[in-house]
Amino acid sequence: MSDSEYYDPLTPRNPRKAKSADTQERRIPRGLVIRLVAYLVAGHVVAAFLFLLFTVAGEG
């Protein structure tokens, strides 16, 4: 068997570079987190508004 069967192209060769590259790749970008929170809040606001509309319409 050759070593090429176990070669992983995503594993860095230099262990010193692996720490800095590893932490950089695993962090979620701040802009993505802000957008995610904004979409979650906006989605819940829209859902609450629709719930209110159906509740008011159901009573009448």
N, C-alpha and C. Protein backbone atom coordinates (compact mmCIF):
# COMPACT_ATOMS: atom_id res chain seq x y z
N MET A 1 0.83 -1.18 0.00
CA MET A 1 0.00 0.00 0.00
C MET A 1 0.88 1.24 0.00
N SER A 2 0.42 2.26 -0.67
CA SER A 2 1.19 3.49 -0.73
C SER A 2 0.61 4.54 0.22
N ASP A 3 1.40 5.56 0.48
CA ASP A 3 0.94 6.63 1.35
C ASP A 3 -0.11 7.51 0.70
N SER A 4 -0.21 7.45 -0.61
CA SER A 4 -1.18 8.31 -1.29
C SER A 4 -2.62 7.91 -0.99
N GLU A 5 -2.83 6.69 -0.54
CA GLU A 5 -4.19 6.28 -0.18
C GLU A 5 -4.68 6.99 1.06
N TYR A 6 -3.76 7.40 1.92
CA TYR A 6 -4.12 8.04 3.17
C TYR A 6 -3.87 9.55 3.14
N TYR A 7 -3.58 10.08 1.97
CA TYR A 7 -3.28 11.52 1.85
C TYR A 7 -4.55 12.33 1.98
N ASP A 8 -4.52 13.32 2.86
CA ASP A 8 -5.64 14.22 3.03
C ASP A 8 -5.20 15.61 2.58
N PRO A 9 -5.74 16.12 1.49
CA PRO A 9 -5.28 17.43 0.99
C PRO A 9 -5.67 18.58 1.89
N LEU A 10 -6.60 18.38 2.80
CA LEU A 10 -7.03 19.46 3.69
C LEU A 10 -6.19 19.56 4.95
N THR A 11 -5.35 18.57 5.22
CA THR A 11 -4.50 18.59 6.39
C THR A 11 -3.23 19.37 6.06
N PRO A 12 -2.92 20.42 6.83
CA PRO A 12 -1.71 21.19 6.54
C PRO A 12 -0.45 20.39 6.86
N ARG A 13 0.60 20.66 6.10
CA ARG A 13 1.84 19.91 6.29
C ARG A 13 2.67 20.48 7.42
N ASN A 14 2.62 21.78 7.61
CA ASN A 14 3.43 22.42 8.63
C ASN A 14 2.59 22.60 9.90
N PRO A 15 2.93 21.95 11.01
CA PRO A 15 2.11 22.06 12.21
C PRO A 15 2.09 23.46 12.82
N ARG A 16 3.14 24.26 12.60
CA ARG A 16 3.14 25.62 13.13
C ARG A 16 2.10 26.49 12.42
N LYS A 17 1.96 26.28 11.13
CA LYS A 17 0.97 27.03 10.37
C LYS A 17 -0.44 26.51 10.64
N ALA A 18 -0.55 25.30 11.09
CA ALA A 18 -1.86 24.69 11.31
C ALA A 18 -2.66 25.42 12.38
N LYS A 19 -2.00 25.90 13.42
CA LYS A 19 -2.73 26.58 14.50
C LYS A 19 -3.37 27.86 14.02
N SER A 20 -2.62 28.70 13.32
CA SER A 20 -3.19 29.97 12.87
C SER A 20 -4.23 29.75 11.78
N ALA A 21 -3.97 28.83 10.88
CA ALA A 21 -4.93 28.55 9.81
C ALA A 21 -6.17 27.88 10.37
N ASP A 22 -5.99 27.03 11.37
CA ASP A 22 -7.11 26.31 11.94
C ASP A 22 -8.07 27.26 12.65
N THR A 23 -7.56 28.18 13.43
CA THR A 23 -8.44 29.11 14.13
C THR A 23 -9.10 30.07 13.16
N GLN A 24 -8.41 30.45 12.12
CA GLN A 24 -9.00 31.37 11.15
C GLN A 24 -10.12 30.70 10.37
N GLU A 25 -9.96 29.44 10.02
CA GLU A 25 -10.97 28.75 9.22
C GLU A 25 -12.19 28.36 10.04
N ARG A 26 -12.04 28.14 11.33
CA ARG A 26 -13.15 27.68 12.13
C ARG A 26 -14.02 28.80 12.68
N ARG A 27 -13.54 30.04 12.64
CA ARG A 27 -14.34 31.15 13.14
C ARG A 27 -15.41 31.52 12.14
N ILE A 28 -16.61 31.83 12.65
CA ILE A 28 -17.69 32.29 11.80
C ILE A 28 -17.50 33.79 11.59
N PRO A 29 -17.58 34.26 10.35
CA PRO A 29 -17.41 35.69 10.10
C PRO A 29 -18.46 36.52 10.86
N ARG A 30 -18.02 37.67 11.37
CA ARG A 30 -18.90 38.50 12.18
C ARG A 30 -20.11 38.99 11.39
N GLY A 31 -19.92 39.34 10.13
CA GLY A 31 -21.04 39.79 9.29
C GLY A 31 -22.10 38.72 9.13
N LEU A 32 -21.67 37.48 9.05
CA LEU A 32 -22.61 36.38 8.91
C LEU A 32 -23.44 36.21 10.18
N VAL A 33 -22.81 36.35 11.32
CA VAL A 33 -23.54 36.24 12.59
C VAL A 33 -24.55 37.36 12.72
N ILE A 34 -24.16 38.58 12.36
CA ILE A 34 -25.09 39.72 12.44
C ILE A 34 -26.27 39.51 11.51
N ARG A 35 -26.02 39.06 10.28
CA ARG A 35 -27.13 38.81 9.35
C ARG A 35 -28.04 37.71 9.85
N LEU A 36 -27.45 36.66 10.41
CA LEU A 36 -28.24 35.55 10.92
C LEU A 36 -29.17 36.01 12.04
N VAL A 37 -28.65 36.80 12.97
CA VAL A 37 -29.47 37.31 14.07
C VAL A 37 -30.55 38.24 13.53
N ALA A 38 -30.20 39.09 12.57
CA ALA A 38 -31.19 40.01 12.00
C ALA A 38 -32.30 39.25 11.29
N TYR A 39 -31.94 38.21 10.53
CA TYR A 39 -32.97 37.42 9.84
C TYR A 39 -33.85 36.67 10.82
N LEU A 40 -33.27 36.17 11.90
CA LEU A 40 -34.06 35.48 12.91
C LEU A 40 -35.05 36.43 13.58
N VAL A 41 -34.58 37.62 13.94
CA VAL A 41 -35.46 38.60 14.57
C VAL A 41 -36.55 39.04 13.59
N ALA A 42 -36.17 39.35 12.36
CA ALA A 42 -37.16 39.78 11.36
C ALA A 42 -38.16 38.67 11.07
N GLY A 43 -37.70 37.43 11.01
CA GLY A 43 -38.62 36.32 10.77
C GLY A 43 -39.62 36.14 11.90
N HIS A 44 -39.16 36.32 13.13
CA HIS A 44 -40.08 36.20 14.26
C HIS A 44 -41.06 37.37 14.31
N VAL A 45 -40.63 38.55 13.92
CA VAL A 45 -41.53 39.70 13.88
C VAL A 45 -42.62 39.47 12.83
N VAL A 46 -42.25 38.99 11.67
CA VAL A 46 -43.23 38.71 10.61
C VAL A 46 -44.19 37.61 11.07
N ALA A 47 -43.65 36.56 11.69
CA ALA A 47 -44.50 35.48 12.17
C ALA A 47 -45.47 35.97 13.25
N ALA A 48 -45.01 36.83 14.14
CA ALA A 48 -45.88 37.39 15.18
C ALA A 48 -46.97 38.25 14.56
N PHE A 49 -46.62 39.04 13.54
CA PHE A 49 -47.62 39.87 12.86
C PHE A 49 -48.68 39.01 12.17
N LEU A 50 -48.25 37.96 11.49
CA LEU A 50 -49.21 37.06 10.85
C LEU A 50 -50.09 36.37 11.89
N PHE A 51 -49.51 35.97 13.00
CA PHE A 51 -50.28 35.35 14.08
C PHE A 51 -51.33 36.33 14.60
N LEU A 52 -50.92 37.58 14.77
CA LEU A 52 -51.86 38.61 15.22
C LEU A 52 -52.99 38.81 14.22
N LEU A 53 -52.65 38.85 12.93
CA LEU A 53 -53.68 39.01 11.91
C LEU A 53 -54.68 37.86 11.93
N PHE A 54 -54.20 36.63 12.01
CA PHE A 54 -55.11 35.49 12.03
C PHE A 54 -55.93 35.43 13.31
N THR A 55 -55.33 35.87 14.42
CA THR A 55 -56.07 35.87 15.69
C THR A 55 -57.20 36.90 15.65
N VAL A 56 -56.91 38.09 15.15
CA VAL A 56 -57.93 39.15 15.07
C VAL A 56 -59.02 38.75 14.05
N ALA A 57 -58.62 38.19 12.92
CA ALA A 57 -59.59 37.79 11.90
C ALA A 57 -60.46 36.64 12.38
N GLY A 58 -59.91 35.76 13.22
CA GLY A 58 -60.67 34.62 13.71
C GLY A 58 -61.74 35.01 14.72
N GLU A 59 -61.57 36.13 15.41
CA GLU A 59 -62.54 36.56 16.41
C GLU A 59 -63.72 37.28 15.78
N GLY A 60 -63.54 37.81 14.58
CA GLY A 60 -64.59 38.63 13.97
C GLY A 60 -65.60 37.90 13.19
